C-alpha cells in the first residue's frame, strides 16, 4: 500500500446494515486504479468509528 492514494469517496447506506459503506478509488504508484470499499460503523456506546469489513 506504500505510495497508494485514495480518492473519490462516496458514502452508501443499506437499510439492513447499521453502518456505512465507503466506496473509493485506490491509485497505485504505477497508475493502476482499483475500485474498493470499506464498511464502518459507530453504533457502540462511545460512538467511535470502527472498520467492520472490506479491509
N, C-alpha and C. Protein backbone atom coordinates (compact mmCIF):
# COMPACT_ATOMS: atom_id res chain seq x y z
N UNK A 1 0.82 -1.20 0.00
CA UNK A 1 0.00 0.00 0.00
C UNK A 1 0.87 1.27 0.00
N UNK A 2 2.18 1.09 0.14
CA UNK A 2 3.06 2.26 0.17
C UNK A 2 2.95 3.03 -1.15
N UNK A 3 2.74 4.31 -1.03
CA UNK A 3 2.66 5.18 -2.19
C UNK A 3 1.28 5.24 -2.84
N UNK A 4 0.33 4.48 -2.35
CA UNK A 4 -1.02 4.50 -2.91
C UNK A 4 -1.78 5.74 -2.42
N UNK A 5 -2.75 6.15 -3.21
CA UNK A 5 -3.60 7.29 -2.85
C UNK A 5 -5.06 6.89 -3.02
N UNK A 6 -5.87 7.31 -2.06
CA UNK A 6 -7.31 7.05 -2.11
C UNK A 6 -8.03 8.35 -2.47
N UNK A 7 -9.06 8.24 -3.31
CA UNK A 7 -9.81 9.43 -3.74
C UNK A 7 -11.22 9.02 -4.13
N UNK A 8 -12.05 10.01 -4.41
CA UNK A 8 -13.40 9.78 -4.90
C UNK A 8 -14.30 9.08 -3.90
N UNK A 9 -14.24 9.46 -2.65
CA UNK A 9 -15.01 8.80 -1.60
C UNK A 9 -16.51 9.04 -1.78
N UNK A 10 -17.29 7.96 -1.63
CA UNK A 10 -18.74 8.05 -1.69
C UNK A 10 -19.33 7.19 -0.58
N UNK A 11 -20.27 7.74 0.14
CA UNK A 11 -20.94 7.04 1.23
C UNK A 11 -22.22 6.41 0.72
N UNK A 12 -22.46 5.17 1.13
CA UNK A 12 -23.72 4.49 0.80
C UNK A 12 -24.22 3.77 2.04
N UNK A 13 -25.52 3.81 2.21
CA UNK A 13 -26.15 3.13 3.35
C UNK A 13 -27.12 2.08 2.84
N UNK A 14 -27.27 1.05 3.67
CA UNK A 14 -28.21 -0.03 3.37
C UNK A 14 -29.11 -0.17 4.59
N UNK A 15 -30.41 -0.24 4.39
CA UNK A 15 -31.35 -0.31 5.50
C UNK A 15 -31.14 -1.49 6.42
N UNK A 16 -30.53 -2.57 5.94
CA UNK A 16 -30.31 -3.76 6.75
C UNK A 16 -29.01 -3.72 7.55
N UNK A 17 -28.16 -2.73 7.31
CA UNK A 17 -26.84 -2.66 7.94
C UNK A 17 -26.76 -1.39 8.78
N UNK A 18 -26.30 -1.51 10.03
CA UNK A 18 -26.25 -0.37 10.95
C UNK A 18 -25.14 0.63 10.61
N UNK A 19 -24.18 0.23 9.79
CA UNK A 19 -23.06 1.11 9.48
C UNK A 19 -23.19 1.78 8.12
N UNK A 20 -22.04 2.19 7.60
CA UNK A 20 -21.95 2.90 6.33
C UNK A 20 -20.91 2.22 5.46
N UNK A 21 -21.19 2.10 4.17
CA UNK A 21 -20.21 1.61 3.21
C UNK A 21 -19.54 2.83 2.59
N UNK A 22 -18.22 2.83 2.55
CA UNK A 22 -17.48 3.93 1.94
C UNK A 22 -16.75 3.36 0.72
N UNK A 23 -17.14 3.81 -0.47
CA UNK A 23 -16.52 3.39 -1.72
C UNK A 23 -15.48 4.44 -2.11
N UNK A 24 -14.38 3.97 -2.71
CA UNK A 24 -13.30 4.88 -3.09
C UNK A 24 -12.47 4.27 -4.21
N UNK A 25 -11.65 5.10 -4.83
CA UNK A 25 -10.71 4.65 -5.86
C UNK A 25 -9.32 4.65 -5.25
N UNK A 26 -8.64 3.52 -5.35
CA UNK A 26 -7.27 3.39 -4.86
C UNK A 26 -6.34 3.43 -6.07
N UNK A 27 -5.43 4.41 -6.08
CA UNK A 27 -4.48 4.55 -7.18
C UNK A 27 -3.09 4.13 -6.69
N UNK A 28 -2.52 3.15 -7.38
CA UNK A 28 -1.19 2.65 -7.05
C UNK A 28 -0.12 3.57 -7.66
N UNK A 29 1.11 3.51 -7.15
CA UNK A 29 2.17 4.36 -7.68
C UNK A 29 2.40 4.20 -9.20
N UNK A 30 2.10 3.01 -9.74
CA UNK A 30 2.28 2.79 -11.18
C UNK A 30 1.10 3.29 -12.02
N UNK A 31 0.08 3.88 -11.35
CA UNK A 31 -1.07 4.43 -12.05
C UNK A 31 -2.27 3.50 -12.13
N UNK A 32 -2.09 2.23 -11.78
CA UNK A 32 -3.21 1.28 -11.78
C UNK A 32 -4.24 1.72 -10.76
N UNK A 33 -5.53 1.66 -11.13
CA UNK A 33 -6.60 2.07 -10.24
C UNK A 33 -7.52 0.89 -9.93
N UNK A 34 -8.00 0.86 -8.69
CA UNK A 34 -8.94 -0.16 -8.24
C UNK A 34 -10.10 0.52 -7.54
N UNK A 35 -11.29 0.00 -7.76
CA UNK A 35 -12.46 0.45 -7.01
C UNK A 35 -12.57 -0.43 -5.78
N UNK A 36 -12.62 0.17 -4.60
CA UNK A 36 -12.64 -0.58 -3.34
C UNK A 36 -13.73 -0.02 -2.45
N UNK A 37 -13.97 -0.70 -1.35
CA UNK A 37 -14.89 -0.18 -0.34
C UNK A 37 -14.54 -0.75 1.02
N UNK A 38 -15.00 -0.07 2.04
CA UNK A 38 -14.82 -0.49 3.41
C UNK A 38 -16.13 -0.23 4.15
N UNK A 39 -16.46 -1.10 5.07
CA UNK A 39 -17.65 -0.92 5.90
C UNK A 39 -17.21 -0.38 7.25
N UNK A 40 -17.84 0.69 7.71
CA UNK A 40 -17.53 1.29 9.01
C UNK A 40 -18.83 1.50 9.78
N UNK A 41 -18.72 1.47 11.09
CA UNK A 41 -19.91 1.68 11.92
C UNK A 41 -19.51 2.34 13.23
N UNK A 42 -20.46 3.05 13.83
CA UNK A 42 -20.21 3.71 15.11
C UNK A 42 -21.38 3.51 16.07
N UNK A 43 -21.97 2.34 16.04
CA UNK A 43 -23.12 2.08 16.89
C UNK A 43 -22.74 1.49 18.25
N UNK A 44 -21.50 1.76 18.70
CA UNK A 44 -21.08 1.34 20.03
C UNK A 44 -21.39 2.45 21.03
N UNK A 45 -21.25 2.19 22.30
CA UNK A 45 -21.67 3.18 23.31
C UNK A 45 -20.85 4.47 23.30
N UNK A 46 -19.62 4.45 22.78
CA UNK A 46 -18.81 5.68 22.69
C UNK A 46 -18.91 6.33 21.32
N UNK A 47 -19.65 5.72 20.41
CA UNK A 47 -19.84 6.23 19.04
C UNK A 47 -18.52 6.45 18.32
N UNK A 48 -17.58 5.53 18.52
CA UNK A 48 -16.28 5.56 17.85
C UNK A 48 -16.40 4.78 16.54
N UNK A 49 -15.91 5.36 15.45
CA UNK A 49 -15.95 4.68 14.15
C UNK A 49 -14.95 3.52 14.15
N UNK A 50 -15.41 2.35 13.71
CA UNK A 50 -14.55 1.18 13.61
C UNK A 50 -14.76 0.53 12.24
N UNK A 51 -13.69 -0.08 11.71
CA UNK A 51 -13.80 -0.83 10.47
C UNK A 51 -14.56 -2.12 10.77
N UNK A 52 -15.51 -2.44 9.91
CA UNK A 52 -16.36 -3.60 10.12
C UNK A 52 -16.21 -4.62 9.00
N UNK A 53 -15.49 -4.29 7.96
CA UNK A 53 -15.28 -5.22 6.86
C UNK A 53 -14.73 -4.52 5.64
N UNK A 54 -14.18 -5.31 4.73
CA UNK A 54 -13.68 -4.75 3.48
C UNK A 54 -12.19 -4.46 3.47
N UNK A 55 -11.49 -4.73 4.56
CA UNK A 55 -10.05 -4.49 4.56
C UNK A 55 -9.31 -5.62 3.89
